[in-house]
Amino acid sequence: RYEELVEQAREKVKETSRLKEECEKAGEAARQAANEAQVFAAAILSSLDQIAADPEKVEETKSEGRKFIDNTTQAAEKAKKVAAETTASAKETEDKVSAGLLPGPEGEAAWEVAGHAQSAVR
């Protein structure tokens, strides 16, 4: 039974490490989507008079803007979801190390993984 708990703790460390990577990627994707939307908005502002004068261009710009909003929203929602999963996994990793399931250098490495995961969430 104890050996099963140790193996579960090791698996949780691996999961936490994987989620850390996923969290970093999701955060970067959300930042990139927001940046692209901001660039789009700035481009609209610089040519607002031209866009407003052409009803077809207005509709095209609205459609394109909606895509940026949707992409940014989806990226942010994914980042939020992965951040919550990463936080929970890091906490479970810390709990397992605190319970003495991974002593010595293995436990220290697990603490480090949990710490890096929490940093990725921020």
N, C-alpha and C. Protein backbone atom coordinates (compact mmCIF):
# COMPACT_ATOMS: atom_id res chain seq x y z
N ARG A 1 0.83 -1.20 0.00
CA ARG A 1 0.00 0.00 0.00
C ARG A 1 0.87 1.26 0.00
N TYR A 2 1.89 1.31 0.84
CA TYR A 2 2.78 2.47 0.89
C TYR A 2 3.46 2.68 -0.45
N GLU A 3 3.89 1.58 -1.07
CA GLU A 3 4.57 1.69 -2.37
C GLU A 3 3.63 2.27 -3.43
N GLU A 4 2.35 1.94 -3.35
CA GLU A 4 1.37 2.52 -4.28
C GLU A 4 1.27 4.02 -4.08
N LEU A 5 1.28 4.44 -2.82
CA LEU A 5 1.20 5.87 -2.52
C LEU A 5 2.43 6.61 -3.04
N VAL A 6 3.58 5.98 -2.89
CA VAL A 6 4.82 6.58 -3.40
C VAL A 6 4.74 6.71 -4.92
N GLU A 7 4.27 5.67 -5.58
CA GLU A 7 4.15 5.71 -7.04
C GLU A 7 3.14 6.78 -7.47
N GLN A 8 2.05 6.91 -6.74
CA GLN A 8 1.07 7.96 -7.05
C GLN A 8 1.70 9.34 -6.88
N ALA A 9 2.52 9.48 -5.86
CA ALA A 9 3.21 10.76 -5.64
C ALA A 9 4.14 11.07 -6.81
N ARG A 10 4.87 10.08 -7.27
CA ARG A 10 5.77 10.27 -8.41
C ARG A 10 4.98 10.66 -9.67
N GLU A 11 3.85 10.00 -9.86
CA GLU A 11 3.00 10.32 -11.02
C GLU A 11 2.46 11.74 -10.92
N LYS A 12 2.13 12.16 -9.71
CA LYS A 12 1.62 13.52 -9.51
C LYS A 12 2.70 14.54 -9.84
N VAL A 13 3.94 14.25 -9.49
CA VAL A 13 5.05 15.15 -9.83
C VAL A 13 5.17 15.27 -11.35
N LYS A 14 5.07 14.15 -12.05
CA LYS A 14 5.14 14.17 -13.52
C LYS A 14 3.99 14.99 -14.10
N GLU A 15 2.80 14.79 -13.55
CA GLU A 15 1.63 15.53 -14.03
C GLU A 15 1.80 17.02 -13.79
N THR A 16 2.32 17.37 -12.63
CA THR A 16 2.53 18.78 -12.30
C THR A 16 3.53 19.41 -13.26
N SER A 17 4.58 18.67 -13.58
CA SER A 17 5.58 19.17 -14.52
C SER A 17 4.96 19.37 -15.91
N ARG A 18 4.15 18.43 -16.34
CA ARG A 18 3.48 18.53 -17.64
C ARG A 18 2.53 19.73 -17.66
N LEU A 19 1.77 19.89 -16.59
CA LEU A 19 0.83 21.00 -16.51
C LEU A 19 1.54 22.35 -16.48
N LYS A 20 2.70 22.39 -15.85
CA LYS A 20 3.49 23.63 -15.85
C LYS A 20 3.81 24.05 -17.28
N GLU A 21 4.27 23.09 -18.08
CA GLU A 21 4.58 23.38 -19.49
C GLU A 21 3.33 23.83 -20.23
N GLU A 22 2.24 23.13 -20.01
CA GLU A 22 0.98 23.47 -20.67
C GLU A 22 0.50 24.86 -20.25
N CYS A 23 0.69 25.18 -18.99
CA CYS A 23 0.28 26.48 -18.46
C CYS A 23 1.09 27.60 -19.12
N GLU A 24 2.39 27.39 -19.25
CA GLU A 24 3.24 28.39 -19.89
C GLU A 24 2.80 28.61 -21.35
N LYS A 25 2.52 27.53 -22.05
CA LYS A 25 2.09 27.64 -23.45
C LYS A 25 0.74 28.34 -23.56
N ALA A 26 -0.19 28.00 -22.68
CA ALA A 26 -1.52 28.62 -22.72
C ALA A 26 -1.43 30.10 -22.38
N GLY A 27 -0.59 30.45 -21.43
CA GLY A 27 -0.40 31.86 -21.09
C GLY A 27 0.19 32.64 -22.24
N GLU A 28 1.18 32.05 -22.90
CA GLU A 28 1.80 32.70 -24.05
C GLU A 28 0.79 32.85 -25.18
N ALA A 29 -0.03 31.85 -25.42
CA ALA A 29 -1.05 31.92 -26.47
C ALA A 29 -2.06 33.03 -26.16
N ALA A 30 -2.44 33.17 -24.90
CA ALA A 30 -3.38 34.23 -24.51
C ALA A 30 -2.75 35.60 -24.70
N ARG A 31 -1.47 35.75 -24.32
CA ARG A 31 -0.78 37.03 -24.52
C ARG A 31 -0.68 37.37 -26.00
N GLN A 32 -0.35 36.37 -26.80
CA GLN A 32 -0.21 36.59 -28.24
C GLN A 32 -1.56 36.98 -28.86
N ALA A 33 -2.63 36.30 -28.48
CA ALA A 33 -3.96 36.62 -29.01
C ALA A 33 -4.36 38.04 -28.62
N ALA A 34 -4.08 38.43 -27.39
CA ALA A 34 -4.40 39.78 -26.94
C ALA A 34 -3.57 40.81 -27.70
N ASN A 35 -2.31 40.51 -27.93
CA ASN A 35 -1.45 41.42 -28.67
C ASN A 35 -1.95 41.60 -30.11
N GLU A 36 -2.32 40.50 -30.75
CA GLU A 36 -2.84 40.57 -32.12
C GLU A 36 -4.13 41.39 -32.17
N ALA A 37 -4.98 41.24 -31.18
CA ALA A 37 -6.22 42.02 -31.12
C ALA A 37 -5.91 43.50 -30.94
N GLN A 38 -4.91 43.79 -30.13
CA GLN A 38 -4.52 45.18 -29.89
C GLN A 38 -3.95 45.81 -31.17
N VAL A 39 -3.15 45.07 -31.90
CA VAL A 39 -2.60 45.56 -33.17
C VAL A 39 -3.74 45.82 -34.15
N PHE A 40 -4.70 44.92 -34.20
CA PHE A 40 -5.87 45.08 -35.07
C PHE A 40 -6.64 46.35 -34.70
N ALA A 41 -6.87 46.55 -33.40
CA ALA A 41 -7.61 47.73 -32.94
C ALA A 41 -6.86 49.01 -33.31
N ALA A 42 -5.55 49.01 -33.16
CA ALA A 42 -4.76 50.20 -33.51
C ALA A 42 -4.85 50.48 -35.01
N ALA A 43 -4.84 49.42 -35.81
CA ALA A 43 -4.94 49.59 -37.26
C ALA A 43 -6.30 50.18 -37.63
N ILE A 44 -7.35 49.76 -36.95
CA ILE A 44 -8.68 50.30 -37.21
C ILE A 44 -8.72 51.79 -36.87
N LEU A 45 -8.17 52.14 -35.72
CA LEU A 45 -8.18 53.54 -35.31
C LEU A 45 -7.47 54.44 -36.31
N SER A 46 -6.41 53.92 -36.90
CA SER A 46 -5.64 54.75 -37.84
C SER A 46 -6.35 54.92 -39.18
N SER A 47 -7.35 54.09 -39.47
CA SER A 47 -8.06 54.21 -40.75
C SER A 47 -9.57 54.22 -40.56
N LEU A 48 -10.00 54.72 -39.44
CA LEU A 48 -11.42 54.70 -39.09
C LEU A 48 -12.29 55.45 -40.11
N ASP A 49 -11.84 56.60 -40.57
CA ASP A 49 -12.62 57.38 -41.54
C ASP A 49 -12.83 56.60 -42.83
N GLN A 50 -11.80 55.93 -43.30
CA GLN A 50 -11.90 55.15 -44.54
C GLN A 50 -12.85 53.96 -44.36
N ILE A 51 -12.74 53.31 -43.23
CA ILE A 51 -13.61 52.15 -42.96
C ILE A 51 -15.06 52.60 -42.88
N ALA A 52 -15.31 53.68 -42.13
CA ALA A 52 -16.68 54.16 -41.92
C ALA A 52 -17.35 54.61 -43.22
N ALA A 53 -16.57 55.02 -44.19
CA ALA A 53 -17.12 55.50 -45.46
C ALA A 53 -17.57 54.37 -46.39
N ASP A 54 -17.21 53.15 -46.05
CA ASP A 54 -17.51 52.01 -46.93
C ASP A 54 -18.28 50.95 -46.14
N PRO A 55 -19.61 50.85 -46.33
CA PRO A 55 -20.41 49.89 -45.56
C PRO A 55 -19.90 48.45 -45.66
N GLU A 56 -19.40 48.07 -46.82
CA GLU A 56 -18.85 46.72 -46.97
C GLU A 56 -17.61 46.53 -46.09
N LYS A 57 -16.79 47.57 -46.05
CA LYS A 57 -15.57 47.53 -45.22
C LYS A 57 -15.95 47.50 -43.73
N VAL A 58 -17.03 48.19 -43.38
CA VAL A 58 -17.51 48.18 -41.99
C VAL A 58 -17.85 46.75 -41.57
N GLU A 59 -18.63 46.06 -42.40
CA GLU A 59 -19.03 44.69 -42.08
C GLU A 59 -17.83 43.75 -42.04
N GLU A 60 -16.92 43.93 -42.98
CA GLU A 60 -15.71 43.10 -43.02
C GLU A 60 -14.88 43.30 -41.76
N THR A 61 -14.75 44.56 -41.35
CA THR A 61 -13.96 44.89 -40.16
C THR A 61 -14.63 44.35 -38.89
N LYS A 62 -15.96 44.46 -38.83
CA LYS A 62 -16.69 43.91 -37.68
C LYS A 62 -16.48 42.40 -37.58
N SER A 63 -16.57 41.73 -38.72
CA SER A 63 -16.38 40.28 -38.75
C SER A 63 -14.97 39.90 -38.30
N GLU A 64 -14.01 40.62 -38.81
CA GLU A 64 -12.62 40.34 -38.44
C GLU A 64 -12.40 40.63 -36.95
N GLY A 65 -12.99 41.71 -36.47
CA GLY A 65 -12.87 42.05 -35.05
C GLY A 65 -13.49 40.99 -34.15
N ARG A 66 -14.63 40.45 -34.58
CA ARG A 66 -15.29 39.38 -33.82
C ARG A 66 -14.38 38.16 -33.70
N LYS A 67 -13.66 37.86 -34.79
CA LYS A 67 -12.72 36.73 -34.76
C LYS A 67 -11.62 36.96 -33.73
N PHE A 68 -11.10 38.20 -33.69
CA PHE A 68 -10.06 38.50 -32.70
C PHE A 68 -10.62 38.38 -31.29
N ILE A 69 -11.82 38.86 -31.08
CA ILE A 69 -12.44 38.77 -29.76
C ILE A 69 -12.63 37.30 -29.36
N ASP A 70 -13.16 36.51 -30.28
CA ASP A 70 -13.38 35.09 -30.00
C ASP A 70 -12.06 34.36 -29.71
N ASN A 71 -11.05 34.61 -30.53
CA ASN A 71 -9.74 33.96 -30.32
C ASN A 71 -9.14 34.34 -28.98
N THR A 72 -9.22 35.63 -28.66
CA THR A 72 -8.65 36.10 -27.40
C THR A 72 -9.41 35.52 -26.21
N THR A 73 -10.73 35.48 -26.32
CA THR A 73 -11.56 34.93 -25.24
C THR A 73 -11.26 33.45 -25.03
N GLN A 74 -11.20 32.70 -26.12
CA GLN A 74 -10.91 31.26 -26.01
C GLN A 74 -9.52 31.02 -25.41
N ALA A 75 -8.55 31.80 -25.85
CA ALA A 75 -7.19 31.62 -25.32
C ALA A 75 -7.15 31.95 -23.83
N ALA A 76 -7.84 33.00 -23.43
CA ALA A 76 -7.87 33.37 -22.01
C ALA A 76 -8.59 32.31 -21.17
N GLU A 77 -9.69 31.77 -21.69
CA GLU A 77 -10.41 30.73 -20.96
C GLU A 77 -9.56 29.48 -20.79
N LYS A 78 -8.84 29.11 -21.84
CA LYS A 78 -7.97 27.94 -21.75
C LYS A 78 -6.86 28.19 -20.73
N ALA A 79 -6.26 29.38 -20.78
CA ALA A 79 -5.19 29.70 -19.83
C ALA A 79 -5.70 29.64 -18.40
N LYS A 80 -6.90 30.15 -18.18
CA LYS A 80 -7.50 30.13 -16.83
C LYS A 80 -7.73 28.69 -16.36
N LYS A 81 -8.26 27.86 -17.26
CA LYS A 81 -8.53 26.46 -16.92
C LYS A 81 -7.23 25.71 -16.59
N VAL A 82 -6.23 25.88 -17.43
CA VAL A 82 -4.95 25.19 -17.21
C VAL A 82 -4.28 25.72 -15.95
N ALA A 83 -4.41 27.00 -15.68
CA ALA A 83 -3.83 27.57 -14.46
C ALA A 83 -4.46 26.93 -13.22
N ALA A 84 -5.77 26.75 -13.24
CA ALA A 84 -6.45 26.12 -12.10
C ALA A 84 -5.99 24.67 -11.92
N GLU A 85 -5.87 23.95 -13.03
CA GLU A 85 -5.40 22.56 -12.96
C GLU A 85 -3.96 22.49 -12.45
N THR A 86 -3.14 23.42 -12.90
CA THR A 86 -1.73 23.45 -12.48
C THR A 86 -1.63 23.75 -11.00
N THR A 87 -2.41 24.72 -10.54
CA THR A 87 -2.40 25.07 -9.11
C THR A 87 -2.81 23.87 -8.26
N ALA A 88 -3.87 23.19 -8.66
CA ALA A 88 -4.34 22.03 -7.90
C ALA A 88 -3.30 20.91 -7.89
N SER A 89 -2.67 20.67 -9.02
CA SER A 89 -1.67 19.61 -9.10
C SER A 89 -0.44 19.95 -8.27
N ALA A 90 -0.03 21.21 -8.31
CA ALA A 90 1.12 21.64 -7.50
C ALA A 90 0.82 21.46 -6.02
N LYS A 91 -0.40 21.82 -5.61
CA LYS A 91 -0.80 21.66 -4.20
C LYS A 91 -0.78 20.19 -3.81
N GLU A 92 -1.31 19.32 -4.68
CA GLU A 92 -1.29 17.88 -4.38
C GLU A 92 0.14 17.37 -4.28
N THR A 93 1.01 17.86 -5.16
CA THR A 93 2.42 17.45 -5.10
C THR A 93 3.02 17.85 -3.76
N GLU A 94 2.78 19.10 -3.36
CA GLU A 94 3.30 19.58 -2.08
C GLU A 94 2.76 18.75 -0.92
N ASP A 95 1.47 18.43 -0.98
CA ASP A 95 0.85 17.63 0.09
C ASP A 95 1.50 16.25 0.19
N LYS A 96 1.78 15.64 -0.95
CA LYS A 96 2.39 14.31 -0.96
C LYS A 96 3.82 14.35 -0.42
N VAL A 97 4.54 15.41 -0.77
CA VAL A 97 5.90 15.54 -0.24
C VAL A 97 5.84 15.80 1.27
N SER A 98 4.91 16.66 1.69
CA SER A 98 4.75 16.95 3.12
C SER A 98 4.39 15.70 3.91
N ALA A 99 3.68 14.78 3.28
CA ALA A 99 3.29 13.52 3.94
C ALA A 99 4.45 12.54 4.02
N GLY A 100 5.59 12.92 3.47
CA GLY A 100 6.78 12.06 3.55
C GLY A 100 6.84 10.97 2.51
N LEU A 101 6.05 11.08 1.45
CA LEU A 101 6.04 10.03 0.43
C LEU A 101 7.25 10.08 -0.49
N LEU A 102 7.87 11.25 -0.58
CA LEU A 102 9.06 11.40 -1.44
C LEU A 102 10.16 12.09 -0.62
N PRO A 103 10.88 11.33 0.17
CA PRO A 103 11.91 11.92 1.03
C PRO A 103 13.20 12.25 0.26
N GLY A 104 14.06 12.99 0.92
CA GLY A 104 15.39 13.26 0.39
C GLY A 104 15.39 14.05 -0.91
N PRO A 105 16.38 13.77 -1.76
CA PRO A 105 16.52 14.51 -3.02
C PRO A 105 15.28 14.42 -3.92
N GLU A 106 14.61 13.29 -3.88
CA GLU A 106 13.40 13.15 -4.71
C GLU A 106 12.31 14.12 -4.22
N GLY A 107 12.20 14.26 -2.93
CA GLY A 107 11.23 15.20 -2.36
C GLY A 107 11.60 16.64 -2.65
N GLU A 108 12.90 16.94 -2.56
CA GLU A 108 13.37 18.29 -2.88
C GLU A 108 13.07 18.64 -4.34
N ALA A 109 13.30 17.68 -5.22
CA ALA A 109 13.02 17.90 -6.64
C ALA A 109 11.52 18.10 -6.86
N ALA A 110 10.70 17.36 -6.12
CA ALA A 110 9.25 17.50 -6.24
C ALA A 110 8.79 18.88 -5.76
N TRP A 111 9.39 19.36 -4.66
CA TRP A 111 9.08 20.72 -4.18
C TRP A 111 9.42 21.74 -5.27
N GLU A 112 10.55 21.53 -5.91
CA GLU A 112 10.99 22.45 -6.96
C GLU A 112 10.00 22.44 -8.14
N VAL A 113 9.56 21.25 -8.53
CA VAL A 113 8.58 21.14 -9.61
C VAL A 113 7.30 21.90 -9.24
N ALA A 114 6.84 21.71 -8.01
CA ALA A 114 5.62 22.40 -7.56
C ALA A 114 5.82 23.91 -7.55
N GLY A 115 6.98 24.36 -7.11
CA GLY A 115 7.27 25.79 -7.10
C GLY A 115 7.31 26.39 -8.49
N HIS A 116 7.94 25.68 -9.42
CA HIS A 116 7.99 26.16 -10.80
C HIS A 116 6.59 26.18 -11.42
N ALA A 117 5.78 25.20 -11.06
CA ALA A 117 4.41 25.16 -11.57
C ALA A 117 3.62 26.37 -11.08
N GLN A 118 3.78 26.69 -9.80
CA GLN A 118 3.08 27.86 -9.25
C GLN A 118 3.57 29.15 -9.90
N SER A 119 4.86 29.22 -10.20
CA SER A 119 5.40 30.39 -10.89
C SER A 119 4.82 30.53 -12.29
N ALA A 120 4.61 29.41 -12.96
CA ALA A 120 4.04 29.44 -14.31
C ALA A 120 2.61 29.98 -14.29
N VAL A 121 1.90 29.72 -13.20
CA VAL A 121 0.53 30.20 -13.08
C VAL A 121 0.50 31.72 -12.96
N ARG A 122 1.49 32.25 -12.29
CA ARG A 122 1.53 33.70 -12.09
C ARG A 122 1.93 34.35 -13.37
